[in-house]
Protein backbone atom coordinates (compact mmCIF):
# COMPACT_ATOMS: atom_id res chain seq x y z
CA MET A 1 31.01 -62.83 51.45
CA THR A 2 31.18 -59.61 53.03
CA HIS A 3 28.73 -58.30 55.85
CA GLU A 4 26.17 -55.99 54.44
CA PRO A 5 24.77 -53.95 56.98
CA ARG A 6 21.19 -54.11 58.95
CA THR A 7 20.96 -52.30 61.30
CA LEU A 8 21.55 -48.53 62.65
CA GLU A 9 24.53 -49.55 64.47
CA GLU A 10 26.05 -51.14 61.45
CA TRP A 11 25.32 -48.15 59.03
CA LYS A 12 26.80 -45.62 61.76
CA SER A 13 30.42 -45.31 60.28
CA THR A 14 28.51 -45.09 56.95
CA LEU A 15 25.80 -42.32 57.51
CA ILE A 16 29.23 -40.83 59.46
CA ALA A 17 31.30 -40.57 56.20
CA ALA A 18 29.33 -39.56 54.29
CA LEU A 19 27.66 -36.18 56.49
CA GLY A 20 31.31 -35.30 56.66
CA LEU A 21 31.34 -35.44 52.98
CA VAL A 22 28.29 -33.52 52.67
CA ILE A 23 29.88 -31.05 55.46
CA ALA A 24 33.18 -30.75 53.81
CA SER A 25 31.85 -29.83 50.25
CA PHE A 26 29.02 -27.50 51.77
CA LEU A 27 31.82 -25.32 53.49
CA ALA A 28 34.54 -25.62 50.40
CA TRP A 29 31.49 -24.24 48.06
CA TYR A 30 30.32 -21.69 50.94
CA GLY A 31 33.94 -20.60 51.27
CA LEU A 32 35.64 -20.40 47.93
CA SER A 33 32.64 -19.14 46.62
CA ARG A 34 32.33 -15.70 48.54
CA LEU A 35 35.92 -14.72 47.85
CA SER A 36 36.03 -11.18 47.61
CA ASP A 37 37.08 -10.02 43.98
CA ALA A 38 40.30 -9.31 44.87
CA THR A 39 41.61 -12.56 46.51
CA ALA A 40 39.87 -14.70 43.99
CA GLY A 41 41.31 -15.24 40.34
CA ASP A 42 43.38 -17.54 38.31
CA THR A 43 46.00 -18.40 41.21
CA ILE A 44 43.50 -19.33 44.12
CA GLY A 45 40.78 -21.46 41.02
CA THR A 46 43.89 -23.65 39.95
CA ILE A 47 44.98 -24.29 43.66
CA ALA A 48 41.17 -25.56 44.66
CA ALA A 49 41.30 -27.26 41.03
CA VAL A 50 44.03 -29.50 41.22
CA GLY A 51 42.63 -29.94 45.25
CA LEU A 52 39.28 -31.49 43.27
CA VAL A 53 41.39 -33.44 41.35
CA VAL A 54 43.37 -35.02 44.42
CA TRP A 55 39.77 -35.56 46.00
CA ILE A 56 38.50 -36.88 43.56
CA ALA A 57 40.99 -39.29 42.95
CA SER A 58 41.15 -40.03 46.13
CA GLN A 59 38.19 -41.13 46.54
CA SER A 60 37.44 -43.30 44.10
CA TRP A 61 40.54 -45.13 45.07
CA PHE A 62 39.00 -45.65 48.33
CA TYR A 63 35.66 -46.89 47.10
CA MET A 64 37.41 -48.91 44.82
CA THR A 65 39.80 -50.63 47.37
CA GLN A 66 38.84 -49.73 50.55
CA VAL A 67 34.37 -50.45 50.96
CA LYS A 68 34.11 -53.56 50.49
CA SER A 69 29.91 -53.79 51.10
CA PRO A 70 28.06 -53.13 47.76
CA ARG A 71 25.18 -51.99 50.04
CA ARG A 72 27.57 -49.12 51.28
CA LEU A 73 29.33 -48.64 48.44
CA LEU A 74 26.23 -47.49 46.65
CA PHE A 75 24.47 -44.99 49.29
CA LEU A 76 28.55 -43.24 49.34
CA MET A 77 28.63 -43.27 45.85
CA GLY A 78 24.98 -41.92 45.61
CA VAL A 79 26.19 -38.71 48.33
CA SER A 80 29.37 -38.36 46.51
CA PHE A 81 28.15 -38.44 43.31
CA ILE A 82 25.12 -36.37 43.52
CA GLN A 83 25.85 -33.80 46.24
CA VAL A 84 29.53 -33.67 47.00
CA VAL A 85 30.76 -33.11 42.92
CA PRO A 86 28.92 -30.66 42.17
CA PHE A 87 29.80 -28.66 45.13
CA LEU A 88 32.97 -29.08 45.13
CA PHE A 89 33.13 -27.92 41.09
CA ALA A 90 30.99 -25.27 42.64
CA ALA A 91 33.59 -24.24 45.13
CA VAL A 92 36.29 -24.51 42.49
CA TYR A 93 34.00 -22.36 39.92
CA GLY A 94 33.78 -19.09 42.88
CA ALA A 95 37.46 -19.52 43.65
CA PHE A 96 37.86 -18.03 39.93
CA GLY A 97 35.69 -14.83 41.17
CA TYR A 98 32.75 -13.46 39.26
CA GLN A 99 32.23 -10.47 36.94
CA ASP A 100 32.33 -13.21 33.77
CA ARG A 101 35.98 -14.10 35.01
CA CYS A 102 34.84 -17.89 35.29
CA VAL A 103 31.17 -18.44 34.50
CA VAL A 104 29.51 -15.57 32.53
CA GLY A 105 25.45 -15.04 33.75
CA ALA A 106 26.86 -15.48 36.80
CA GLN A 107 26.48 -13.15 39.63
CA GLY A 108 26.60 -15.12 42.69
CA PRO A 109 27.24 -18.62 44.97
CA GLY A 110 23.96 -19.79 43.71
CA ASP A 111 24.13 -19.14 40.37
CA ILE A 112 27.55 -21.00 40.31
CA LEU A 113 25.90 -23.75 42.01
CA TYR A 114 23.37 -24.45 39.37
CA PHE A 115 25.78 -23.82 36.64
CA SER A 116 27.48 -27.00 38.43
CA TYR A 117 24.27 -29.30 38.23
CA VAL A 118 23.46 -28.16 34.91
CA THR A 119 27.06 -28.97 33.82
CA PHE A 120 27.41 -32.26 35.95
CA THR A 121 24.14 -33.67 34.52
CA THR A 122 25.02 -32.59 31.08
CA VAL A 123 21.78 -30.86 30.51
CA GLY A 124 23.68 -28.15 29.10
CA TYR A 125 20.82 -24.97 29.85
CA GLY A 126 22.98 -22.66 27.77
CA ASP A 127 21.55 -19.73 30.26
CA MET A 128 25.55 -19.49 31.24
CA ALA A 129 28.52 -20.45 29.92
CA PRO A 130 32.07 -20.98 31.15
CA THR A 131 34.72 -18.56 29.32
CA GLY A 132 38.68 -18.71 29.97
CA LEU A 133 40.43 -21.22 32.01
CA CYS A 134 36.76 -22.78 33.28
CA ARG A 135 35.98 -24.44 29.89
CA GLY A 136 38.16 -26.84 30.23
CA LEU A 137 37.01 -27.39 34.42
CA ALA A 138 33.47 -27.52 32.36
CA VAL A 139 34.09 -30.18 30.46
CA ALA A 140 35.88 -32.24 33.12
CA GLU A 141 33.03 -31.90 35.64
CA ALA A 142 30.85 -33.26 32.20
CA VAL A 143 32.77 -35.72 32.08
CA THR A 144 32.97 -36.55 35.51
CA GLY A 145 29.13 -36.76 35.25
CA TYR A 146 29.17 -38.79 32.80
CA ILE A 147 31.27 -41.21 34.30
CA LEU A 148 30.02 -40.91 38.00
CA LEU A 149 26.45 -40.94 36.93
CA GLY A 150 26.66 -44.46 35.26
CA MET A 151 28.57 -45.64 37.64
CA PHE A 152 25.87 -45.60 39.44
CA VAL A 153 23.37 -46.77 37.98
CA ALA A 154 25.62 -49.67 37.11
CA ALA A 155 26.36 -50.22 40.71
CA ALA A 156 22.60 -49.93 41.33
CA VAL A 157 21.26 -52.15 38.78
CA ALA A 158 24.35 -54.93 40.00
CA LEU A 159 23.44 -54.72 43.77
CA TYR A 160 19.28 -55.28 43.10
CA ALA A 161 20.46 -58.58 39.82
CA ARG A 162 22.46 -59.54 43.26
CA ASN A 163 19.47 -59.36 46.31
CA HIS A 164 16.45 -60.05 43.31
CA GLY A 165 18.57 -62.79 41.32
CA LYS A 166 18.53 -65.91 43.50
């Protein structure tokens, strides 16, 4: 059985990892969603999309194979799935540019981030719509949201049942 973290010192590495994920995703969103129209476009957007796929695959591998503590896993999943993934998808949308080149109706980084969260949570208000290559990206984000949020809830229920089933 794996030792579960109980003190702040035992949580320190996990908290630092979570903070790193948050900072990296914020910087990616901040940088890519503010590219000039001359810089942003299909090439930069495609490179950012491939980077996003590699990041999601590597994080999934890491969580499944390296994190042994259910509490740490649940915490990192929560941070990644609730904050990091929508920010990274927003960064990719921003890398494609504005003026209805990726998301119709988005006027800036805040709108892209809002669209990303609405898509990730599959709420889909319909006030903005993806266009071009971003349509496939939005579908991928919605499916990712279904899967990751479902995994997070399943992990939370399993952890609760494990701790309260005795």
